[in-house]
Amino acid sequence: MQICFWIDYALVCKWPVRFCLAAWALVDQGWVLSGPDGSRVDLTTGERAFLQTLFLTPDLRARRADLMDAIDISYAAAVGAGKGTRLGLLVSRMRRKFQARGVVLPLRAVHGFGYMFAGKIRPAAA
C-alpha cells in the first residue's frame, strides 16, 4: 500500500515517486490538470469547476445538474454571468483541447446521469 500526502502542493511519498505520480491530479490550485505521464493542461474557469466537481465525488461521477450548477457558480463568481451553461459544449471543447495536446482525457458520459472521470486520481491537497 502506498502512502502519499500533500504539503503545500508538493507530494511527499513513502514509496518511490513513480508510484505516487502515476495518476491524474488537479494542481496549481485546480487550474491545471496533470496527467499520469507528466502532461499538464491549463483549465478554463468552467473546466476547472467541472473537473473539481467530479474529483470531489467518491466514485468520480456527478449528475448533469450538479455539474451545471458548479459551472454556473464558478462563472458567476468570475464574471458575473453564467446562466444557460451548455455542458455538452464545454465537454466537447475540453476533449478537443486535450486531444490537440496529445492527451487522452478519461472522461465518460454516463447515460441518463451525467459524467464520470474514468482515470486514477491523486488525492486533493489538504
Protein backbone atom coordinates (compact mmCIF):
# COMPACT_ATOMS: atom_id res chain seq x y z
CA MET A 1 0.00 0.00 0.00
CA GLN A 2 1.38 3.41 -0.95
CA ILE A 3 1.16 6.31 1.44
CA CYS A 4 1.04 9.72 -0.22
CA PHE A 5 0.05 13.08 1.12
CA TRP A 6 0.33 16.71 0.08
CA ILE A 7 2.22 19.50 1.80
CA ASP A 8 1.72 22.91 0.17
CA TYR A 9 1.15 21.30 -3.26
CA ALA A 10 4.28 19.16 -3.01
CA LEU A 11 3.68 15.43 -2.98
CA VAL A 12 5.52 13.53 -0.26
CA CYS A 13 5.65 9.76 -0.61
CA LYS A 14 6.98 6.88 1.43
CA TRP A 15 7.20 4.85 -1.81
CA PRO A 16 9.15 5.65 -4.96
CA VAL A 17 7.76 8.79 -6.65
CA ARG A 18 6.78 6.95 -9.84
CA PHE A 19 4.08 5.04 -7.94
CA CYS A 20 2.52 8.20 -6.48
CA LEU A 21 2.64 10.28 -9.64
CA ALA A 22 1.04 7.70 -11.96
CA ALA A 23 -2.38 9.34 -11.64
CA TRP A 24 -4.32 12.43 -12.66
CA ALA A 25 -4.35 15.45 -10.37
CA LEU A 26 -5.66 18.99 -10.24
CA VAL A 27 -2.64 21.15 -9.39
CA ASP A 28 -1.82 24.85 -9.15
CA GLN A 29 -4.95 25.49 -7.08
CA GLY A 30 -7.01 23.44 -9.54
CA TRP A 31 -6.12 25.49 -12.63
CA VAL A 32 -4.02 22.72 -14.24
CA LEU A 33 -4.83 19.06 -14.87
CA SER A 34 -1.70 16.97 -14.55
CA GLY A 35 -1.70 13.57 -16.29
CA PRO A 36 -0.06 10.33 -15.19
CA ASP A 37 2.51 10.78 -17.96
CA GLY A 38 3.53 14.21 -16.66
CA SER A 39 1.46 16.18 -19.17
CA ARG A 40 -0.11 19.42 -17.92
CA VAL A 41 -3.10 21.22 -19.42
CA ASP A 42 -4.30 24.64 -18.24
CA LEU A 43 -8.02 24.80 -17.46
CA THR A 44 -10.64 27.47 -18.01
CA THR A 45 -12.99 28.53 -15.23
CA GLY A 46 -15.71 26.15 -16.43
CA GLU A 47 -13.35 23.21 -16.99
CA ARG A 48 -11.89 23.69 -13.52
CA ALA A 49 -15.35 23.71 -11.90
CA PHE A 50 -16.40 20.64 -13.93
CA LEU A 51 -13.32 18.58 -13.01
CA GLN A 52 -13.29 19.70 -9.37
CA THR A 53 -16.90 18.54 -9.04
CA LEU A 54 -16.01 15.12 -10.50
CA PHE A 55 -12.86 14.79 -8.38
CA LEU A 56 -14.74 15.58 -5.17
CA THR A 57 -17.28 12.77 -5.57
CA PRO A 58 -16.38 9.39 -4.05
CA ASP A 59 -16.99 7.45 -7.28
CA LEU A 60 -15.71 10.23 -9.60
CA ARG A 61 -19.10 10.70 -11.26
CA ALA A 62 -21.59 13.52 -10.96
CA ARG A 63 -25.09 14.31 -12.14
CA ARG A 64 -25.51 16.74 -15.03
CA ALA A 65 -27.43 19.17 -12.81
CA ASP A 66 -24.64 19.22 -10.21
CA LEU A 67 -22.01 19.81 -12.90
CA MET A 68 -24.04 22.60 -14.49
CA ASP A 69 -24.60 24.25 -11.11
CA ALA A 70 -20.88 24.14 -10.31
CA ILE A 71 -20.00 25.67 -13.68
CA ASP A 72 -22.66 28.38 -13.39
CA ILE A 73 -21.49 29.29 -9.89
CA SER A 74 -17.84 29.47 -10.96
CA TYR A 75 -18.64 31.72 -13.93
CA ALA A 76 -20.91 33.91 -11.82
CA ALA A 77 -18.08 34.40 -9.33
CA ALA A 78 -15.59 35.11 -12.12
CA VAL A 79 -17.53 37.36 -14.49
CA GLY A 80 -20.98 37.93 -13.06
CA ALA A 81 -22.78 35.70 -15.56
CA GLY A 82 -23.19 32.04 -16.34
CA LYS A 83 -26.82 31.08 -16.77
CA GLY A 84 -27.61 28.68 -19.57
CA THR A 85 -24.45 26.61 -19.26
CA ARG A 86 -24.08 24.28 -22.20
CA LEU A 87 -22.47 21.27 -20.56
CA GLY A 88 -22.13 19.24 -23.76
CA LEU A 89 -20.34 22.11 -25.48
CA LEU A 90 -17.91 22.52 -22.56
CA VAL A 91 -17.11 18.79 -22.57
CA SER A 92 -16.67 18.72 -26.35
CA ARG A 93 -14.28 21.68 -26.29
CA MET A 94 -12.35 20.22 -23.38
CA ARG A 95 -11.92 16.87 -25.17
CA ARG A 96 -10.69 18.62 -28.34
CA LYS A 97 -8.30 20.78 -26.33
CA PHE A 98 -6.75 17.77 -24.63
CA GLN A 99 -6.63 15.79 -27.89
CA ALA A 100 -4.80 18.68 -29.60
CA ARG A 101 -2.13 18.38 -26.88
CA GLY A 102 -1.85 14.62 -27.37
CA VAL A 103 -3.57 13.83 -24.06
CA VAL A 104 -6.40 11.31 -23.84
CA LEU A 105 -8.84 12.61 -21.23
CA PRO A 106 -10.51 9.67 -19.39
CA LEU A 107 -13.91 11.33 -19.29
CA ARG A 108 -17.03 9.23 -19.87
CA ALA A 109 -20.66 10.16 -20.36
CA VAL A 110 -23.00 8.14 -18.12
CA HIS A 111 -26.30 7.74 -19.97
CA GLY A 112 -29.21 9.31 -18.11
CA PHE A 113 -26.97 10.52 -15.29
CA GLY A 114 -24.06 12.79 -16.17
CA TYR A 115 -20.31 12.29 -16.48
CA MET A 116 -17.55 10.36 -14.76
CA PHE A 117 -13.78 10.58 -14.66
CA ALA A 118 -12.52 7.09 -15.54
CA GLY A 119 -8.88 7.57 -14.58
CA LYS A 120 -7.00 7.09 -11.32
CA ILE A 121 -6.62 10.34 -9.39
CA ARG A 122 -4.30 11.57 -6.67
CA PRO A 123 -5.93 12.96 -3.55
CA ALA A 124 -6.50 16.69 -3.43
CA ALA A 125 -4.22 18.95 -1.48
CA ALA A 126 -5.14 19.18 2.16
